[in-house]
Amino acid sequence: MPHVLLIEDDASVRDGMELVLRRHGYDVDTAATGEEALALLDGPAGGKVELAVLDLMLPGMDGFEVCRRIRARTAVLPVIMLTARGDDHDIVTGLEAGADDYVVKPVTAPVLEARIRAALRRAEPSGQARSAEADLAGLVIDRAGLTVTKQGVTIPLPPTELRLLLELSASPGRVLSREQLLESVWDHTFLGDSRLVDAAVGRLRAKLEDVPARPRYVQTVRGFGYRFGPL
């Protein structure tokens, strides 16, 4: 039974979401503040948490900082952020802080549950092991072991970024549109948002590229999408 940490300061919203998630079979821990959530993750119960649903507008430490601190602790915990408005700046900032996905409040139960299921699937071992290992110009991608190394140094990647890299590197030189990546990586066949792709590419470049502004591995094809180099 998946274990979710729900971080939401509004008690009525938190109680309603907890009830919905429990009805769908999830174990749920809740926190009203970022500080409370981080303390829970650092404690004995933290090892059971498989996904965090994080409201951005928290008292004290806001959701952006909470997300950054979660990412500093672990690369593998999926984070879905909740925002009260579809503000572009909030969404982009949250994604750049390391969130895997977002939903705008008020959110319906089917949408939230679908996003959680998709995020948990991304966190599962990938079935894309076409070959055990590929060395692509110094970047070694072990598809069986789900590890990435560069010049012998392991690069820890969250599940979403790892799946994005696996999808792009499966066919070097092939251009994939944002829509194709949303469907294959995020499992979004509807309500997709290309900002998810762009933010994840930005985070991936920051970890893989020597000079992120001049990417060698994850290249933009303007007007079309992205491809994996080097060509």
C-alpha atoms as a PDB file:
ATOM      1  CA  MET A   1       0.000   0.000   0.000  1.00  0.00           C
ATOM      2  CA  PRO A   2       1.715   3.250  -1.109  1.00  0.00           C
ATOM      3  CA  HIS A   3       2.650   5.658   1.673  1.00  0.00           C
ATOM      4  CA  VAL A   4       2.083   9.375   1.000  1.00  0.00           C
ATOM      5  CA  LEU A   5       3.177  12.425   2.978  1.00  0.00           C
ATOM      6  CA  LEU A   6       0.645  15.266   2.597  1.00  0.00           C
ATOM      7  CA  ILE A   7       2.028  18.711   3.505  1.00  0.00           C
ATOM      8  CA  GLU A   8      -0.805  21.254   3.685  1.00  0.00           C
ATOM      9  CA  ASP A   9      -1.443  23.997   6.244  1.00  0.00           C
ATOM     10  CA  ASP A  10      -5.197  24.404   5.648  1.00  0.00           C
ATOM     11  CA  ALA A  11      -6.781  21.847   8.002  1.00  0.00           C
ATOM     12  CA  SER A  12      -9.999  21.457   5.988  1.00  0.00           C
ATOM     13  CA  VAL A  13      -8.130  20.905   2.717  1.00  0.00           C
ATOM     14  CA  ARG A  14      -5.659  18.567   4.414  1.00  0.00           C
ATOM     15  CA  ASP A  15      -8.406  16.489   6.050  1.00  0.00           C
ATOM     16  CA  GLY A  16     -10.351  16.251   2.787  1.00  0.00           C
ATOM     17  CA  MET A  17      -7.324  15.147   0.772  1.00  0.00           C
ATOM     18  CA  GLU A  18      -6.318  12.658   3.444  1.00  0.00           C
ATOM     19  CA  LEU A  19      -9.800  11.129   3.392  1.00  0.00           C
ATOM     20  CA  VAL A  20      -9.738  10.844  -0.413  1.00  0.00           C
ATOM     21  CA  LEU A  21      -6.297   9.245  -0.453  1.00  0.00           C
ATOM     22  CA  ARG A  22      -7.178   6.750   2.265  1.00  0.00           C
ATOM     23  CA  ARG A  23     -10.313   5.782   0.334  1.00  0.00           C
ATOM     24  CA  HIS A  24      -8.067   5.033  -2.648  1.00  0.00           C
ATOM     25  CA  GLY A  25      -5.911   2.729  -0.546  1.00  0.00           C
ATOM     26  CA  TYR A  26      -3.019   4.971   0.428  1.00  0.00           C
ATOM     27  CA  ASP A  27      -1.369   5.190   3.820  1.00  0.00           C
ATOM     28  CA  VAL A  28      -1.110   8.878   4.681  1.00  0.00           C
ATOM     29  CA  ASP A  29       1.031  10.948   7.019  1.00  0.00           C
ATOM     30  CA  THR A  30       0.222  14.651   7.269  1.00  0.00           C
ATOM     31  CA  ALA A  31       2.136  17.796   8.191  1.00  0.00           C
ATOM     32  CA  ALA A  32       0.887  21.365   8.555  1.00  0.00           C
ATOM     33  CA  THR A  33       4.290  23.043   8.092  1.00  0.00           C
ATOM     34  CA  GLY A  34       7.486  22.461   6.209  1.00  0.00           C
ATOM     35  CA  GLU A  35       9.424  22.097   9.418  1.00  0.00           C
ATOM     36  CA  GLU A  36       7.051  19.376  10.602  1.00  0.00           C
ATOM     37  CA  ALA A  37       7.331  17.558   7.274  1.00  0.00           C
ATOM     38  CA  LEU A  38      11.137  17.595   7.262  1.00  0.00           C
ATOM     39  CA  ALA A  39      11.246  16.367  10.857  1.00  0.00           C
ATOM     40  CA  LEU A  40       8.955  13.485   9.900  1.00  0.00           C
ATOM     41  CA  LEU A  41      11.121  12.590   6.894  1.00  0.00           C
ATOM     42  CA  ASP A  42      14.209  12.609   9.096  1.00  0.00           C
ATOM     43  CA  GLY A  43      12.540  10.386  11.703  1.00  0.00           C
ATOM     44  CA  PRO A  44      11.708   6.666  11.815  1.00  0.00           C
ATOM     45  CA  ALA A  45       8.547   7.130   9.734  1.00  0.00           C
ATOM     46  CA  GLY A  46      10.434   8.869   6.933  1.00  0.00           C
ATOM     47  CA  GLY A  47      11.708   5.646   5.431  1.00  0.00           C
ATOM     48  CA  LYS A  48       8.151   4.525   4.675  1.00  0.00           C
ATOM     49  CA  VAL A  49       7.180   7.617   2.672  1.00  0.00           C
ATOM     50  CA  GLU A  50       7.044   6.904  -1.072  1.00  0.00           C
ATOM     51  CA  LEU A  51       5.722  10.254  -2.323  1.00  0.00           C
ATOM     52  CA  ALA A  52       5.166  13.781  -1.017  1.00  0.00           C
ATOM     53  CA  VAL A  53       2.265  16.074  -1.922  1.00  0.00           C
ATOM     54  CA  LEU A  54       3.498  19.565  -1.058  1.00  0.00           C
ATOM     55  CA  ASP A  55       1.551  22.813  -0.852  1.00  0.00           C
ATOM     56  CA  LEU A  56       3.650  25.800  -1.915  1.00  0.00           C
ATOM     57  CA  MET A  57       1.985  28.411   0.296  1.00  0.00           C
ATOM     58  CA  LEU A  58       3.021  27.237   3.747  1.00  0.00           C
ATOM     59  CA  PRO A  59       3.549  29.380   6.840  1.00  0.00           C
ATOM     60  CA  GLY A  60       7.174  29.921   7.826  1.00  0.00           C
ATOM     61  CA  MET A  61       9.324  27.870   5.475  1.00  0.00           C
ATOM     62  CA  ASP A  62       7.515  27.945   2.132  1.00  0.00           C
ATOM     63  CA  GLY A  63       7.019  25.001  -0.169  1.00  0.00           C
ATOM     64  CA  PHE A  64       9.844  26.018  -2.501  1.00  0.00           C
ATOM     65  CA  GLU A  65      12.386  25.759   0.305  1.00  0.00           C
ATOM     66  CA  VAL A  66      10.831  22.539   1.602  1.00  0.00           C
ATOM     67  CA  CYS A  67      11.185  21.012  -1.865  1.00  0.00           C
ATOM     68  CA  ARG A  68      14.829  22.085  -2.098  1.00  0.00           C
ATOM     69  CA  ARG A  69      15.555  20.545   1.290  1.00  0.00           C
ATOM     70  CA  ILE A  70      13.793  17.312   0.355  1.00  0.00           C
ATOM     71  CA  ARG A  71      15.912  17.151  -2.802  1.00  0.00           C
ATOM     72  CA  ALA A  72      19.056  17.788  -0.757  1.00  0.00           C
ATOM     73  CA  ARG A  73      18.127  14.760   1.367  1.00  0.00           C
ATOM     74  CA  THR A  74      17.036  12.397  -1.390  1.00  0.00           C
ATOM     75  CA  ALA A  75      16.928  12.311  -5.170  1.00  0.00           C
ATOM     76  CA  VAL A  76      14.383   9.523  -5.389  1.00  0.00           C
ATOM     77  CA  LEU A  77      11.299  10.715  -3.468  1.00  0.00           C
ATOM     78  CA  PRO A  78       8.656  11.938  -5.953  1.00  0.00           C
ATOM     79  CA  VAL A  79       7.243  15.365  -5.090  1.00  0.00           C
ATOM     80  CA  ILE A  80       3.940  16.709  -6.423  1.00  0.00           C
ATOM     81  CA  MET A  81       3.418  20.356  -5.586  1.00  0.00           C
ATOM     82  CA  LEU A  82       0.083  22.029  -4.967  1.00  0.00           C
ATOM     83  CA  THR A  83      -0.393  25.648  -5.953  1.00  0.00           C
ATOM     84  CA  ALA A  84      -3.463  27.771  -5.271  1.00  0.00           C
ATOM     85  CA  ARG A  85      -3.142  29.540  -8.592  1.00  0.00           C
ATOM     86  CA  GLY A  86      -1.752  28.707 -11.987  1.00  0.00           C
ATOM     87  CA  ASP A  87       0.888  31.420 -11.684  1.00  0.00           C
ATOM     88  CA  ASP A  88       3.674  30.779 -14.174  1.00  0.00           C
ATOM     89  CA  HIS A  89       6.395  32.047 -11.840  1.00  0.00           C
ATOM     90  CA  ASP A  90       5.265  29.844  -8.942  1.00  0.00           C
ATOM     91  CA  ILE A  91       4.999  26.789 -11.157  1.00  0.00           C
ATOM     92  CA  VAL A  92       8.379  27.265 -12.820  1.00  0.00           C
ATOM     93  CA  THR A  93      10.082  28.052  -9.493  1.00  0.00           C
ATOM     94  CA  GLY A  94       8.564  24.945  -7.911  1.00  0.00           C
ATOM     95  CA  LEU A  95       9.640  22.728 -10.790  1.00  0.00           C
ATOM     96  CA  GLU A  96      13.146  24.199 -10.737  1.00  0.00           C
ATOM     97  CA  ALA A  97      13.283  23.471  -6.991  1.00  0.00           C
ATOM     98  CA  GLY A  98      12.918  19.785  -7.854  1.00  0.00           C
ATOM     99  CA  ALA A  99       9.193  19.005  -7.958  1.00  0.00           C
ATOM    100  CA  ASP A 100       8.238  16.241 -10.385  1.00  0.00           C
ATOM    101  CA  ASP A 101       4.732  17.472 -11.160  1.00  0.00           C
ATOM    102  CA  TYR A 102       2.147  19.990 -10.018  1.00  0.00           C
ATOM    103  CA  VAL A 103      -1.595  20.413  -9.677  1.00  0.00           C
ATOM    104  CA  VAL A 104      -3.558  23.635  -9.242  1.00  0.00           C
ATOM    105  CA  LYS A 105      -6.006  23.894  -6.354  1.00  0.00           C
ATOM    106  CA  PRO A 106      -8.851  23.289  -6.055  1.00  0.00           C
ATOM    107  CA  VAL A 107      -7.972  19.865  -7.399  1.00  0.00           C
ATOM    108  CA  THR A 108     -10.463  17.087  -8.006  1.00  0.00           C
ATOM    109  CA  ALA A 109      -9.869  13.694  -6.435  1.00  0.00           C
ATOM    110  CA  PRO A 110      -9.502  11.840  -9.782  1.00  0.00           C
ATOM    111  CA  VAL A 111      -6.845  14.290 -11.040  1.00  0.00           C
ATOM    112  CA  LEU A 112      -4.816  14.157  -7.818  1.00  0.00           C
ATOM    113  CA  GLU A 113      -4.997  10.375  -7.622  1.00  0.00           C
ATOM    114  CA  ALA A 114      -4.033  10.016 -11.299  1.00  0.00           C
ATOM    115  CA  ARG A 115      -0.999  12.265 -10.823  1.00  0.00           C
ATOM    116  CA  ILE A 116       0.060  10.295  -7.746  1.00  0.00           C
ATOM    117  CA  ARG A 117      -0.256   6.975  -9.581  1.00  0.00           C
ATOM    118  CA  ALA A 118       1.779   8.323 -12.503  1.00  0.00           C
ATOM    119  CA  ALA A 119       4.512   9.632 -10.177  1.00  0.00           C
ATOM    120  CA  LEU A 120       4.710   6.307  -8.343  1.00  0.00           C
ATOM    121  CA  ARG A 121       5.004   4.454 -11.662  1.00  0.00           C
ATOM    122  CA  ARG A 122       7.913   6.712 -12.630  1.00  0.00           C
ATOM    123  CA  ALA A 123       9.606   5.778  -9.362  1.00  0.00           C
ATOM    124  CA  GLU A 124       9.397   2.068 -10.180  1.00  0.00           C
ATOM    125  CA  PRO A 125      12.288   0.317 -11.956  1.00  0.00           C
ATOM    126  CA  SER A 126      12.184   1.133 -15.627  1.00  0.00           C
ATOM    127  CA  GLY A 127      11.429  -1.471 -18.259  1.00  0.00           C
ATOM    128  CA  GLN A 128      13.634   0.312 -20.790  1.00  0.00           C
ATOM    129  CA  ALA A 129      16.694  -1.898 -20.385  1.00  0.00           C
ATOM    130  CA  ARG A 130      17.381  -2.314 -24.125  1.00  0.00           C
ATOM    131  CA  SER A 131      21.038  -2.867 -23.374  1.00  0.00           C
ATOM    132  CA  ALA A 132      22.835  -3.304 -20.112  1.00  0.00           C
ATOM    133  CA  GLU A 133      25.084  -0.289 -20.497  1.00  0.00           C
ATOM    134  CA  ALA A 134      25.786   2.492 -22.959  1.00  0.00           C
ATOM    135  CA  ASP A 135      28.829   4.769 -22.989  1.00  0.00           C
ATOM    136  CA  LEU A 136      27.861   7.948 -24.782  1.00  0.00           C
ATOM    137  CA  ALA A 137      30.835  10.296 -25.012  1.00  0.00           C
ATOM    138  CA  GLY A 138      31.893   9.822 -21.416  1.00  0.00           C
ATOM    139  CA  LEU A 139      28.394   9.529 -19.981  1.00  0.00           C
ATOM    140  CA  VAL A 140      27.720   5.931 -18.918  1.00  0.00           C
ATOM    141  CA  ILE A 141      24.052   4.971 -18.636  1.00  0.00           C
ATOM    142  CA  ASP A 142      23.457   1.582 -17.033  1.00  0.00           C
ATOM    143  CA  ARG A 143      19.882   0.756 -18.009  1.00  0.00           C
ATOM    144  CA  ALA A 144      19.780  -2.472 -16.032  1.00  0.00           C
ATOM    145  CA  GLY A 145      21.194  -0.983 -12.851  1.00  0.00           C
ATOM    146  CA  LEU A 146      19.492   2.400 -13.398  1.00  0.00           C
ATOM    147  CA  THR A 147      22.655   4.339 -12.678  1.00  0.00           C
ATOM    148  CA  VAL A 148      24.369   7.195 -14.485  1.00  0.00           C
ATOM    149  CA  THR A 149      28.062   8.014 -14.193  1.00  0.00           C
ATOM    150  CA  LYS A 150      30.276  10.619 -15.800  1.00  0.00           C
ATOM    151  CA  GLN A 151      34.034  10.187 -15.721  1.00  0.00           C
ATOM    152  CA  GLY A 152      33.573   7.544 -13.046  1.00  0.00           C
ATOM    153  CA  VAL A 153      31.453   9.748 -10.777  1.00  0.00           C
ATOM    154  CA  THR A 154      27.899   8.621 -10.040  1.00  0.00           C
ATOM    155  CA  ILE A 155      25.219  11.224 -10.781  1.00  0.00           C
ATOM    156  CA  PRO A 156      22.127  10.635  -8.620  1.00  0.00           C
ATOM    157  CA  LEU A 157      18.942  11.444 -10.532  1.00  0.00           C
ATOM    158  CA  PRO A 158      15.338  11.567  -9.305  1.00  0.00           C
ATOM    159  CA  PRO A 159      13.022   9.083 -11.052  1.00  0.00           C
ATOM    160  CA  THR A 160      11.532  11.657 -13.425  1.00  0.00           C
ATOM    161  CA  GLU A 161      14.913  12.939 -14.601  1.00  0.00           C
ATOM    162  CA  LEU A 162      16.240   9.394 -14.946  1.00  0.00           C
ATOM    163  CA  ARG A 163      13.262   8.366 -17.075  1.00  0.00           C
ATOM    164  CA  LEU A 164      13.667  11.486 -19.193  1.00  0.00           C
ATOM    165  CA  LEU A 165      17.334  10.644 -19.799  1.00  0.00           C
ATOM    166  CA  LEU A 166      16.502   7.013 -20.597  1.00  0.00           C
ATOM    167  CA  GLU A 167      13.828   8.091 -23.073  1.00  0.00           C
ATOM    168  CA  LEU A 168      16.044  10.616 -24.865  1.00  0.00           C
ATOM    169  CA  SER A 169      19.173   8.440 -24.917  1.00  0.00           C
ATOM    170  CA  ALA A 170      17.343   5.359 -26.223  1.00  0.00           C
ATOM    171  CA  SER A 171      17.583   6.819 -29.733  1.00  0.00           C
ATOM    172  CA  PRO A 172      20.484   9.293 -29.975  1.00  0.00           C
ATOM    173  CA  GLY A 173      19.857  11.967 -32.579  1.00  0.00           C
ATOM    174  CA  ARG A 174      16.104  11.403 -32.700  1.00  0.00           C
ATOM    175  CA  VAL A 175      14.048  14.505 -31.927  1.00  0.00           C
ATOM    176  CA  LEU A 176      11.250  14.001 -29.396  1.00  0.00           C
ATOM    177  CA  SER A 177       8.562  16.629 -28.988  1.00  0.00           C
ATOM    178  CA  ARG A 178       7.485  17.904 -25.593  1.00  0.00           C
ATOM    179  CA  GLU A 179       4.142  16.180 -26.112  1.00  0.00           C
ATOM    180  CA  GLN A 180       5.845  12.828 -26.767  1.00  0.00           C
ATOM    181  CA  LEU A 181       7.961  13.245 -23.636  1.00  0.00           C
ATOM    182  CA  LEU A 182       4.957  14.234 -21.508  1.00  0.00           C
ATOM    183  CA  GLU A 183       3.210  11.037 -22.550  1.00  0.00           C
ATOM    184  CA  SER A 184       6.183   8.674 -22.261  1.00  0.00           C
ATOM    185  CA  VAL A 185       7.835  10.107 -19.139  1.00  0.00           C
ATOM    186  CA  TRP A 186       5.041  11.791 -17.172  1.00  0.00           C
ATOM    187  CA  ASP A 187       2.211   9.572 -18.404  1.00  0.00           C
ATOM    188  CA  HIS A 188       0.205  12.708 -19.187  1.00  0.00           C
ATOM    189  CA  THR A 189      -2.017  12.004 -22.160  1.00  0.00           C
ATOM    190  CA  PHE A 190      -4.187  14.970 -21.200  1.00  0.00           C
ATOM    191  CA  LEU A 191      -3.750  18.196 -19.244  1.00  0.00           C
ATOM    192  CA  GLY A 192      -0.072  18.101 -20.139  1.00  0.00           C
ATOM    193  CA  ASP A 193       2.154  21.118 -19.541  1.00  0.00           C
ATOM    194  CA  SER A 194       5.387  21.585 -21.477  1.00  0.00           C
ATOM    195  CA  ARG A 195       6.879  23.443 -18.484  1.00  0.00           C
ATOM    196  CA  LEU A 196       7.272  20.045 -16.814  1.00  0.00           C
ATOM    197  CA  VAL A 197       9.556  18.964 -19.653  1.00  0.00           C
ATOM    198  CA  ASP A 198      11.517  22.212 -19.860  1.00  0.00           C
ATOM    199  CA  ALA A 199      12.142  22.369 -16.093  1.00  0.00           C
ATOM    200  CA  ALA A 200      13.259  18.719 -15.949  1.00  0.00           C
ATOM    201  CA  VAL A 201      15.589  19.261 -18.918  1.00  0.00           C
ATOM    202  CA  GLY A 202      17.078  22.265 -17.136  1.00  0.00           C
ATOM    203  CA  ARG A 203      17.716  20.243 -13.980  1.00  0.00           C
ATOM    204  CA  LEU A 204      19.159  17.375 -16.008  1.00  0.00           C
ATOM    205  CA  ARG A 205      21.533  19.677 -17.876  1.00  0.00           C
ATOM    206  CA  ALA A 206      22.738  21.215 -14.619  1.00  0.00           C
ATOM    207  CA  LYS A 207      23.845  17.746 -13.500  1.00  0.00           C
ATOM    208  CA  LEU A 208      25.153  16.288 -16.765  1.00  0.00           C
ATOM    209  CA  GLU A 209      26.631  19.120 -18.781  1.00  0.00           C
ATOM    210  CA  ASP A 210      30.033  20.747 -18.337  1.00  0.00           C
ATOM    211  CA  VAL A 211      28.453  24.013 -19.519  1.00  0.00           C
ATOM    212  CA  PRO A 212      24.637  23.804 -19.174  1.00  0.00           C
ATOM    213  CA  ALA A 213      24.168  26.855 -21.406  1.00  0.00           C
ATOM    214  CA  ARG A 214      25.956  24.946 -24.201  1.00  0.00           C
ATOM    215  CA  PRO A 215      24.558  21.434 -23.773  1.00  0.00           C
ATOM    216  CA  ARG A 216      26.362  18.523 -25.337  1.00  0.00           C
ATOM    217  CA  TYR A 217      24.021  15.721 -24.302  1.00  0.00           C
ATOM    218  CA  VAL A 218      20.465  17.101 -24.065  1.00  0.00           C
ATOM    219  CA  GLN A 219      20.060  19.444 -26.993  1.00  0.00           C
ATOM    220  CA  THR A 220      17.178  21.731 -27.938  1.00  0.00           C
ATOM    221  CA  VAL A 221      15.798  21.571 -31.455  1.00  0.00           C
ATOM    222  CA  ARG A 222      14.018  24.888 -31.587  1.00  0.00           C
ATOM    223  CA  GLY A 223      10.380  24.626 -32.542  1.00  0.00           C
ATOM    224  CA  PHE A 224      10.356  20.823 -32.260  1.00  0.00           C
ATOM    225  CA  GLY A 225      11.646  19.520 -28.928  1.00  0.00           C
ATOM    226  CA  TYR A 226      14.759  17.787 -27.633  1.00  0.00           C
ATOM    227  CA  ARG A 227      17.264  15.196 -28.784  1.00  0.00           C
ATOM    228  CA  PHE A 228      20.115  13.353 -27.167  1.00  0.00           C
ATOM    229  CA  GLY A 229      23.600  14.035 -28.522  1.00  0.00           C
ATOM    230  CA  PRO A 230      26.426  13.995 -29.137  1.00  0.00           C
ATOM    231  CA  LEU A 231      25.870  13.695 -32.837  1.00  0.00           C
END
